[in-house]
Amino acid sequence: MHDIRAIRDNPAAFDEALRRRGLPPASPEILSLDADRRASIAAAENATAEQNRASKEVGAAKARGDDAEFERLRALVAEKKAEIARLAAAADAQDAALRDMLMRIPNLPHPDVPEGRDEEDNVELRRWGTPRTFDFTPREHFEIAGVKPGMDFETAAKLSGARFVVLRGAVIRVHRALAQMMLDTHITDHGLTETWTPVLVKEDAMYGTNQLPKFAEDSYQTTNGWWLVPTSEVTLTNTIAGDIIEENQLPIRMTAHTQCFRSEAGSAGKDTTGMLRQHQFEKVEMVSITTPETSMAEHDRMTRCAENILEKLGLPYRTIVLCTGDMGFGAQKTHDLEVWLPGQNRYREISSVSVCGDFQARRMNARFRPAGGGKPEFVHTLNGSGLAVGRTLIAVLENGQQADGSVDLPAALHPYLGGRTRISADGTLV
């Protein structure tokens, strides 16, 4: 959420930042509503002062036997009481409207984010690895002979509908091994604290990490009001909601492996075959909580954590910085990692690592107490995939496929598979 004081102080800078995102100015409407809210509050305070004065004078009028003045003052007190209630209700309504307005406006881009309209204007930072040269035409993951017995879309459709999959045998074992390898790497090599969190959350948590109110249709809600998390960013980040943390406790670095649920409301017709885009999937998430001064360095560090997973698996990838028109709602700056998928003959997103500044912290009222003293300040929050497990499975299968339909598996997974190194053409782990 945005700081209304910053908008009051420099509305032109606020609107310019929105322009960089391709959005129209918002400060005139915001400041008009803010002015009305402040006027209602001021009027309520004046009416309260008048009511208090009249209340004091009522007794004096009664004591001196001035019945006419007594009745006038008593009527005035009643009138002011009603006026205060009306003005307070108006201020509350205006405050709620202002808060809702501020919550629907995306984060402002960091100054060094490249300006652009869409993904075509994203900027590549670096590449790692060389895509493999095949002596046959590589297939997509769901077409590989050794994968087909373990990737069942028909049964999933019978159970749940489109965009679900049932995994079996060798394929699900590789999927599980990937998640375990990611967690172990983040814990042992990267210093993240493993955390297990619920996948059902209260509405406040979804507001805290900016899924609500703007993106309700992208998530699932139960009949009793819980929301299914689209990623454990929601739960990990909200662990500090409402807290004041001592500066010496920062940074807080967490990782979690959870089921994730997304309606994919805006992706009709996209990636309808295979398991690239599912309603239910697994992800190993990373979340960091930092001071404002260290958040950009932490963003680079988190990006390297995600890159390291791909490098351990030997998967070619590229790292890009998203332009202003392609960034997510809550992001101040985002690095996307795109892995090479030979079956599609192109790079596809496998991780998105974002620094959010104090955007989410304001929504959650999450602050830290500076070591040198002074008022508590808002923390900065960061989140990133480390990685999306299903998409990593796809990349491992497609990059390791052989002409006979078998799949050679990365050496980093062998210890998690009991020393087995490949999926045979008939779907057996050997």
Protein backbone atom coordinates (compact mmCIF):
# COMPACT_ATOMS: atom_id res chain seq x y z
CA MET A 1 0.00 0.00 0.00
CA HIS A 2 1.11 3.55 -0.62
CA ASP A 3 2.02 6.24 1.90
CA ILE A 4 -0.63 8.97 1.65
CA ARG A 5 1.82 11.49 3.14
CA ALA A 6 4.31 10.84 0.34
CA ILE A 7 1.55 11.39 -2.24
CA ARG A 8 0.55 14.65 -0.57
CA ASP A 9 4.17 15.82 -0.47
CA ASN A 10 4.99 14.97 -4.10
CA PRO A 11 1.96 14.04 -6.21
CA ALA A 12 3.87 14.69 -9.44
CA ALA A 13 6.50 12.08 -8.59
CA PHE A 14 3.76 9.57 -7.72
CA ASP A 15 1.98 10.11 -11.03
CA GLU A 16 5.25 9.94 -12.96
CA ALA A 17 6.00 6.55 -11.41
CA LEU A 18 2.54 5.34 -12.43
CA ARG A 19 3.14 6.68 -15.94
CA ARG A 20 6.25 4.50 -16.15
CA ARG A 21 3.95 1.55 -15.44
CA GLY A 22 1.66 2.66 -18.27
CA LEU A 23 -1.04 3.93 -15.90
CA PRO A 24 -2.90 7.27 -15.79
CA PRO A 25 -2.39 9.82 -12.98
CA ALA A 26 -4.07 8.84 -9.72
CA SER A 27 -3.06 11.62 -7.32
CA PRO A 28 -5.95 14.04 -8.11
CA GLU A 29 -8.60 11.48 -7.16
CA ILE A 30 -6.60 10.25 -4.16
CA LEU A 31 -5.94 13.75 -2.81
CA SER A 32 -9.54 14.83 -3.34
CA LEU A 33 -10.81 11.89 -1.30
CA ASP A 34 -8.10 12.49 1.29
CA ALA A 35 -9.10 16.15 1.57
CA ASP A 36 -12.77 15.21 2.07
CA ARG A 37 -11.77 12.67 4.73
CA ARG A 38 -9.62 15.18 6.60
CA ALA A 39 -12.38 17.80 6.37
CA SER A 40 -14.88 15.35 7.90
CA ILE A 41 -12.44 14.55 10.71
CA ALA A 42 -11.80 18.25 11.38
CA ALA A 43 -15.54 19.03 11.36
CA ALA A 44 -16.18 16.14 13.78
CA GLU A 45 -13.47 17.46 16.09
CA ASN A 46 -14.99 20.98 16.01
CA ALA A 47 -18.46 19.59 16.69
CA THR A 48 -17.07 17.58 19.61
CA ALA A 49 -15.49 20.73 21.06
CA GLU A 50 -18.81 22.59 20.72
CA GLN A 51 -20.67 19.69 22.34
CA ASN A 52 -18.23 19.68 25.26
CA ARG A 53 -18.61 23.42 25.78
CA ALA A 54 -22.40 23.20 25.67
CA SER A 55 -22.38 20.23 28.06
CA LYS A 56 -20.43 22.28 30.61
CA GLU A 57 -22.82 25.22 30.25
CA VAL A 58 -25.95 23.09 30.69
CA GLY A 59 -25.30 22.58 34.39
CA ALA A 60 -24.60 26.27 34.96
CA ALA A 61 -27.85 27.27 33.24
CA LYS A 62 -29.78 24.78 35.35
CA ALA A 63 -28.11 26.05 38.54
CA ARG A 64 -29.09 29.67 37.95
CA GLY A 65 -32.65 28.71 36.98
CA ASP A 66 -32.39 29.84 33.36
CA ASP A 67 -34.79 27.24 31.93
CA ALA A 68 -34.83 28.72 28.43
CA GLU A 69 -31.02 28.62 28.17
CA PHE A 70 -30.98 25.17 29.73
CA GLU A 71 -33.35 23.81 27.07
CA ARG A 72 -31.45 25.56 24.27
CA LEU A 73 -28.11 24.10 25.41
CA ARG A 74 -29.60 20.65 25.92
CA ALA A 75 -30.97 20.71 22.39
CA LEU A 76 -27.58 21.91 21.13
CA VAL A 77 -25.82 19.01 22.85
CA ALA A 78 -28.23 16.55 21.20
CA GLU A 79 -27.78 18.26 17.85
CA LYS A 80 -23.98 18.13 18.09
CA LYS A 81 -24.08 14.49 19.16
CA ALA A 82 -26.02 13.62 16.00
CA GLU A 83 -23.71 15.80 13.89
CA ILE A 84 -20.62 14.08 15.35
CA ALA A 85 -22.06 10.65 14.58
CA ARG A 86 -22.83 11.70 11.00
CA LEU A 87 -19.39 13.22 10.43
CA ALA A 88 -17.61 10.25 12.03
CA ALA A 89 -19.53 7.86 9.78
CA ALA A 90 -18.62 9.97 6.75
CA ALA A 91 -14.95 10.01 7.78
CA ASP A 92 -14.97 6.23 8.30
CA ALA A 93 -16.54 5.69 4.88
CA GLN A 94 -14.05 8.05 3.23
CA ASP A 95 -11.16 6.38 5.06
CA ALA A 96 -12.30 2.94 3.86
CA ALA A 97 -12.69 4.24 0.30
CA LEU A 98 -9.22 5.83 0.40
CA ARG A 99 -7.65 2.64 1.77
CA ASP A 100 -9.36 0.57 -0.92
CA MET A 101 -8.19 2.99 -3.60
CA LEU A 102 -4.59 2.88 -2.36
CA MET A 103 -4.70 -0.92 -2.18
CA ARG A 104 -5.73 -1.20 -5.82
CA ILE A 105 -2.81 0.84 -7.14
CA PRO A 106 0.33 -1.21 -7.93
CA ASN A 107 3.72 -0.66 -6.38
CA LEU A 108 5.92 2.07 -7.84
CA PRO A 109 8.87 0.81 -9.91
CA HIS A 110 12.41 1.22 -8.64
CA PRO A 111 14.25 3.95 -10.58
CA ASP A 112 16.64 1.50 -12.25
CA VAL A 113 13.85 -0.69 -13.68
CA PRO A 114 13.80 -0.34 -17.49
CA GLU A 115 10.73 1.38 -18.87
CA GLY A 116 8.63 -0.63 -21.29
CA ARG A 117 5.14 -1.77 -22.26
CA ASP A 118 5.29 -5.58 -22.08
CA GLU A 119 7.57 -8.63 -22.10
CA GLU A 120 9.13 -7.55 -25.38
CA ASP A 121 10.81 -4.70 -23.48
CA ASN A 122 12.34 -6.86 -20.73
CA VAL A 123 16.14 -6.74 -20.54
CA GLU A 124 18.33 -9.82 -20.45
CA LEU A 125 21.03 -9.64 -17.77
CA ARG A 126 22.94 -12.90 -18.36
CA ARG A 127 22.78 -16.47 -19.58
CA TRP A 128 24.15 -19.69 -18.13
CA GLY A 129 24.70 -22.97 -19.94
CA THR A 130 24.42 -23.90 -23.58
CA PRO A 131 21.23 -25.54 -24.84
CA ARG A 132 21.92 -29.12 -25.86
CA THR A 133 22.13 -30.05 -29.52
CA PHE A 134 19.88 -33.03 -30.25
CA ASP A 135 20.38 -35.52 -33.10
CA PHE A 136 16.62 -36.04 -33.09
CA THR A 137 13.63 -33.75 -32.73
CA PRO A 138 13.13 -33.22 -28.98
CA ARG A 139 9.65 -33.78 -27.64
CA GLU A 140 7.66 -31.87 -25.06
CA HIS A 141 7.61 -33.48 -21.62
CA PHE A 142 4.20 -35.15 -21.98
CA GLU A 143 5.21 -36.74 -25.31
CA ILE A 144 8.36 -38.51 -24.05
CA ALA A 145 7.85 -42.29 -24.05
CA GLY A 146 9.37 -42.88 -20.62
CA VAL A 147 7.30 -40.08 -19.10
CA LYS A 148 3.87 -41.05 -20.44
CA PRO A 149 3.23 -43.90 -17.95
CA GLY A 150 3.79 -41.54 -15.04
CA MET A 151 1.93 -38.42 -16.25
CA ASP A 152 -1.82 -39.01 -16.46
CA PHE A 153 -3.99 -36.12 -17.57
CA GLU A 154 -7.08 -38.20 -18.42
CA THR A 155 -7.54 -39.51 -14.89
CA ALA A 156 -6.89 -36.04 -13.48
CA ALA A 157 -9.58 -34.60 -15.78
CA LYS A 158 -12.02 -37.31 -14.57
CA LEU A 159 -11.24 -36.36 -10.97
CA SER A 160 -10.94 -32.58 -11.18
CA GLY A 161 -11.22 -31.22 -14.73
CA ALA A 162 -8.70 -29.42 -16.92
CA ARG A 163 -5.30 -28.17 -15.74
CA PHE A 164 -4.68 -31.00 -13.28
CA VAL A 165 -2.39 -34.02 -13.49
CA VAL A 166 -1.92 -37.35 -11.73
CA LEU A 167 1.77 -38.29 -11.38
CA ARG A 168 2.91 -41.86 -10.74
CA GLY A 169 5.95 -44.04 -10.40
CA ALA A 170 9.28 -42.72 -11.61
CA VAL A 171 7.91 -39.29 -12.54
CA ILE A 172 6.50 -38.45 -9.11
CA ARG A 173 9.65 -39.76 -7.46
CA VAL A 174 11.76 -37.37 -9.52
CA HIS A 175 9.30 -34.58 -8.69
CA ARG A 176 9.68 -35.31 -4.96
CA ALA A 177 13.46 -35.54 -5.27
CA LEU A 178 13.57 -32.11 -6.90
CA ALA A 179 11.66 -30.50 -4.03
CA GLN A 180 13.92 -32.17 -1.47
CA MET A 181 17.08 -31.11 -3.30
CA MET A 182 15.85 -27.52 -3.51
CA LEU A 183 15.04 -27.39 0.20
CA ASP A 184 18.35 -28.96 1.23
CA THR A 185 20.29 -26.53 -0.96
CA HIS A 186 18.48 -23.47 0.40
CA ILE A 187 18.90 -24.61 3.99
CA THR A 188 22.49 -25.85 3.84
CA ASP A 189 24.08 -23.64 1.19
CA HIS A 190 21.96 -20.48 1.28
CA GLY A 191 21.16 -20.15 4.99
CA LEU A 192 17.37 -20.08 4.72
CA THR A 193 15.21 -21.37 7.56
CA GLU A 194 12.83 -24.14 6.52
CA THR A 195 9.27 -23.33 7.51
CA TRP A 196 6.04 -25.28 7.21
CA THR A 197 2.87 -23.22 6.89
CA PRO A 198 -0.86 -23.74 6.26
CA VAL A 199 -2.29 -23.53 2.76
CA LEU A 200 -5.57 -22.09 4.06
CA VAL A 201 -5.39 -18.46 5.23
CA LYS A 202 -7.62 -15.68 6.51
CA GLU A 203 -8.58 -12.81 4.24
CA ASP A 204 -6.23 -10.42 6.05
CA ALA A 205 -3.23 -12.49 4.94
CA MET A 206 -4.25 -12.22 1.29
CA TYR A 207 -4.61 -8.45 1.69
CA GLY A 208 -1.19 -8.31 3.32
CA THR A 209 0.63 -9.70 0.30
CA ASN A 210 -1.58 -7.84 -2.21
CA GLN A 211 -3.59 -10.73 -3.66
CA LEU A 212 -6.68 -8.86 -2.46
CA PRO A 213 -8.67 -6.87 -3.24
CA LYS A 214 -7.64 -6.59 -6.89
CA PHE A 215 -6.93 -10.23 -7.78
CA ALA A 216 -9.66 -12.19 -6.01
CA GLU A 217 -10.58 -14.05 -9.19
CA ASP A 218 -7.06 -15.48 -9.45
CA SER A 219 -7.40 -17.44 -6.19
CA TYR A 220 -9.78 -19.92 -4.62
CA GLN A 221 -11.92 -19.22 -1.56
CA THR A 222 -13.65 -21.81 0.59
CA THR A 223 -17.28 -21.50 1.66
CA ASN A 224 -16.25 -20.55 5.21
CA GLY A 225 -14.01 -17.68 4.12
CA TRP A 226 -10.55 -19.21 4.02
CA TRP A 227 -8.41 -18.67 0.93
CA LEU A 228 -6.14 -21.29 -0.66
CA VAL A 229 -2.67 -19.78 -1.01
CA PRO A 230 -1.40 -19.10 -4.55
CA THR A 231 2.12 -19.43 -3.09
CA SER A 232 3.62 -19.63 0.39
CA GLU A 233 4.77 -16.03 -0.09
CA VAL A 234 1.40 -15.29 1.54
CA THR A 235 2.05 -17.26 4.72
CA LEU A 236 5.80 -16.71 5.06
CA THR A 237 5.54 -12.93 4.63
CA ASN A 238 2.52 -12.63 6.92
CA THR A 239 4.35 -14.34 9.78
CA ILE A 240 5.56 -10.84 10.71
CA ALA A 241 2.21 -9.04 10.22
CA GLY A 242 1.61 -6.54 13.00
CA ASP A 243 5.05 -7.12 14.54
CA ILE A 244 7.85 -4.76 15.52
CA ILE A 245 11.14 -6.61 14.99
CA GLU A 246 14.48 -5.61 16.45
CA GLU A 247 16.90 -4.57 13.70
CA ASN A 248 19.50 -7.10 14.87
CA GLN A 249 17.01 -9.88 14.00
CA LEU A 250 17.12 -8.89 10.33
CA PRO A 251 17.43 -10.22 7.73
CA ILE A 252 14.90 -13.02 8.22
CA ARG A 253 15.29 -15.61 5.45
CA MET A 254 12.71 -18.38 5.04
CA THR A 255 11.90 -21.17 2.63
CA ALA A 256 8.89 -23.46 2.39
CA HIS A 257 7.69 -26.28 0.15
CA THR A 258 3.92 -26.16 -0.27
CA GLN A 259 1.01 -26.95 -2.50
CA CYS A 260 -0.15 -23.84 -4.36
CA PHE A 261 -3.50 -23.09 -5.96
CA ARG A 262 -4.32 -20.66 -8.75
CA SER A 263 -7.44 -20.27 -10.84
CA GLU A 264 -5.39 -19.06 -13.85
CA ALA A 265 -8.31 -16.74 -14.60
CA GLY A 266 -6.36 -14.69 -17.10
CA SER A 267 -4.73 -17.57 -18.97
CA ALA A 268 -7.58 -19.02 -21.01
CA GLY A 269 -6.11 -20.83 -24.02
CA LYS A 270 -2.50 -20.59 -22.76
CA ASP A 271 -0.43 -23.75 -22.19
CA THR A 272 -3.47 -26.01 -22.24
CA THR A 273 -1.41 -29.16 -22.90
CA GLY A 274 1.04 -30.67 -20.45
CA MET A 275 1.63 -29.55 -16.88
CA LEU A 276 3.24 -26.15 -17.44
CA ARG A 277 0.22 -24.22 -16.15
CA GLN A 278 -1.84 -26.00 -13.50
CA HIS A 279 -4.50 -25.08 -10.95
CA GLN A 280 -2.67 -27.09 -8.27
CA PHE A 281 1.11 -27.28 -8.17
CA GLU A 282 4.08 -27.31 -5.81
CA LYS A 283 6.68 -24.68 -5.23
CA VAL A 284 9.68 -24.12 -3.01
CA GLU A 285 9.35 -20.46 -2.06
CA MET A 286 11.91 -18.04 -0.65
CA VAL A 287 10.97 -14.98 1.45
CA SER A 288 13.29 -12.39 3.00
CA ILE A 289 12.51 -9.59 5.45
CA THR A 290 15.13 -6.82 5.51
CA THR A 291 15.87 -3.22 6.36
CA PRO A 292 15.32 -0.65 3.60
CA GLU A 293 19.08 -0.16 3.14
CA THR A 294 19.77 -3.84 2.40
CA SER A 295 16.78 -4.93 0.32
CA MET A 296 18.29 -4.37 -3.14
CA ALA A 297 21.42 -6.37 -2.24
CA GLU A 298 19.14 -9.07 -0.83
CA HIS A 299 17.27 -9.12 -4.15
CA ASP A 300 20.47 -9.96 -5.98
CA ARG A 301 21.36 -12.59 -3.36
CA MET A 302 17.95 -14.28 -3.68
CA THR A 303 18.28 -14.30 -7.46
CA ARG A 304 21.60 -16.13 -7.10
CA CYS A 305 19.96 -18.67 -4.79
CA ALA A 306 17.42 -19.53 -7.49
CA GLU A 307 20.08 -19.56 -10.21
CA ASN A 308 22.18 -21.94 -8.15
CA ILE A 309 19.41 -24.57 -8.20
CA LEU A 310 19.31 -24.47 -12.00
CA GLU A 311 23.09 -24.68 -12.22
CA LYS A 312 23.20 -27.70 -9.89
CA LEU A 313 20.72 -29.40 -12.20
CA GLY A 314 22.69 -28.40 -15.30
CA LEU A 315 19.71 -26.60 -16.85
CA PRO A 316 20.49 -23.73 -19.25
CA TYR A 317 18.73 -20.52 -18.27
CA ARG A 318 18.71 -16.80 -18.73
CA THR A 319 18.07 -14.05 -16.17
CA ILE A 320 16.07 -11.01 -17.18
CA VAL A 321 14.91 -7.85 -15.42
CA LEU A 322 11.26 -7.12 -16.07
CA CYS A 323 10.35 -3.75 -17.54
CA THR A 324 7.85 -1.44 -15.85
CA GLY A 325 4.95 -2.70 -17.98
CA ASP A 326 5.54 -6.39 -17.23
CA MET A 327 6.15 -6.33 -13.47
CA GLY A 328 3.74 -7.88 -11.02
CA PHE A 329 1.37 -5.74 -8.96
CA GLY A 330 3.37 -5.77 -5.72
CA ALA A 331 6.87 -5.63 -7.16
CA GLN A 332 9.30 -2.74 -7.05
CA LYS A 333 11.77 -4.68 -9.19
CA THR A 334 11.70 -8.25 -10.53
CA HIS A 335 14.22 -10.71 -11.91
CA ASP A 336 12.75 -13.59 -13.91
CA LEU A 337 14.68 -16.79 -14.52
CA GLU A 338 13.74 -18.54 -17.74
CA VAL A 339 14.83 -22.15 -18.27
CA TRP A 340 15.49 -23.67 -21.69
CA LEU A 341 12.77 -26.11 -22.79
CA PRO A 342 13.96 -27.99 -25.90
CA GLY A 343 10.47 -29.38 -26.54
CA GLN A 344 9.24 -25.82 -27.07
CA ASN A 345 12.58 -24.58 -28.42
CA ARG A 346 12.47 -21.53 -26.18
CA TYR A 347 13.07 -20.21 -22.67
CA ARG A 348 10.14 -20.28 -20.23
CA GLU A 349 9.76 -18.66 -16.80
CA ILE A 350 10.68 -20.92 -13.89
CA SER A 351 11.28 -18.35 -11.15
CA SER A 352 10.30 -14.77 -10.41
CA VAL A 353 12.24 -12.96 -7.67
CA SER A 354 10.85 -9.62 -6.53
CA VAL A 355 11.72 -6.89 -4.06
CA CYS A 356 8.57 -5.14 -2.81
CA GLY A 357 10.07 -2.35 -0.70
CA ASP A 358 7.65 -1.38 2.09
CA PHE A 359 4.58 -1.92 -0.12
CA GLN A 360 3.49 -5.13 1.62
CA ALA A 361 4.81 -4.08 5.03
CA ARG A 362 2.44 -1.09 5.08
CA ARG A 363 -0.50 -3.37 4.35
CA MET A 364 0.59 -5.72 7.16
CA ASN A 365 1.88 -3.01 9.54
CA ALA A 366 5.19 -4.90 9.82
CA ARG A 367 7.99 -2.76 11.25
CA PHE A 368 11.43 -2.92 12.81
CA ARG A 369 13.02 -0.92 15.62
CA PRO A 370 16.32 0.69 14.47
CA ALA A 371 19.36 -0.40 16.46
CA GLY A 372 20.37 3.24 16.98
CA GLY A 373 17.00 4.21 18.40
CA GLY A 374 14.20 6.22 16.90
CA LYS A 375 10.67 5.43 15.71
CA PRO A 376 9.91 1.99 14.25
CA GLU A 377 10.18 1.85 10.46
CA PHE A 378 8.53 -0.39 7.91
CA VAL A 379 10.54 -3.45 6.88
CA HIS A 380 11.15 -4.36 3.25
CA THR A 381 9.85 -7.69 1.94
CA LEU A 382 11.13 -9.91 -0.88
CA ASN A 383 9.87 -13.15 -2.38
CA GLY A 384 10.91 -15.56 -5.09
CA SER A 385 10.48 -19.07 -6.44
CA GLY A 386 13.28 -21.35 -5.53
CA LEU A 387 11.93 -23.07 -7.72
CA ALA A 388 8.52 -24.02 -9.13
CA VAL A 389 8.82 -27.81 -8.75
CA GLY A 390 6.58 -28.87 -11.63
CA ARG A 391 8.24 -26.57 -14.13
CA THR A 392 11.65 -27.79 -12.98
CA LEU A 393 10.45 -31.36 -13.54
CA ILE A 394 9.44 -30.40 -17.07
CA ALA A 395 12.88 -28.89 -17.73
CA VAL A 396 14.70 -31.94 -16.32
CA LEU A 397 12.63 -34.33 -18.45
CA GLU A 398 12.91 -32.34 -21.68
CA ASN A 399 16.62 -31.56 -21.37
CA GLY A 400 17.50 -35.13 -20.38
CA GLN A 401 15.42 -36.97 -22.97
CA GLN A 402 17.07 -39.51 -25.27
CA ALA A 403 16.18 -40.71 -28.75
CA ASP A 404 14.75 -44.00 -27.42
CA GLY A 405 12.32 -42.21 -25.08
CA SER A 406 14.38 -42.63 -21.91
CA VAL A 407 15.51 -39.70 -19.75
CA ASP A 408 18.95 -39.14 -18.23
CA LEU A 409 18.59 -37.43 -14.84
CA PRO A 410 20.92 -34.76 -13.38
CA ALA A 411 23.69 -36.01 -11.07
CA ALA A 412 22.42 -33.71 -8.30
CA LEU A 413 19.29 -35.88 -8.05
CA HIS A 414 21.00 -39.28 -7.93
CA PRO A 415 21.46 -39.31 -4.12
CA TYR A 416 17.74 -38.54 -3.70
CA LEU A 417 16.79 -41.43 -6.00
CA GLY A 418 18.73 -44.18 -4.28
CA GLY A 419 21.51 -43.95 -6.83
CA ARG A 420 19.21 -44.37 -9.83
CA THR A 421 20.20 -42.21 -12.77
CA ARG A 422 17.56 -42.44 -15.48
CA ILE A 423 13.98 -43.13 -16.43
CA SER A 424 13.87 -45.95 -18.94
CA ALA A 425 11.82 -45.84 -22.11
CA ASP A 426 9.12 -47.95 -20.42
CA GLY A 427 8.84 -45.52 -17.50
CA THR A 428 10.94 -47.34 -14.89
CA LEU A 429 13.46 -45.61 -12.64
CA VAL A 430 16.81 -47.36 -13.18
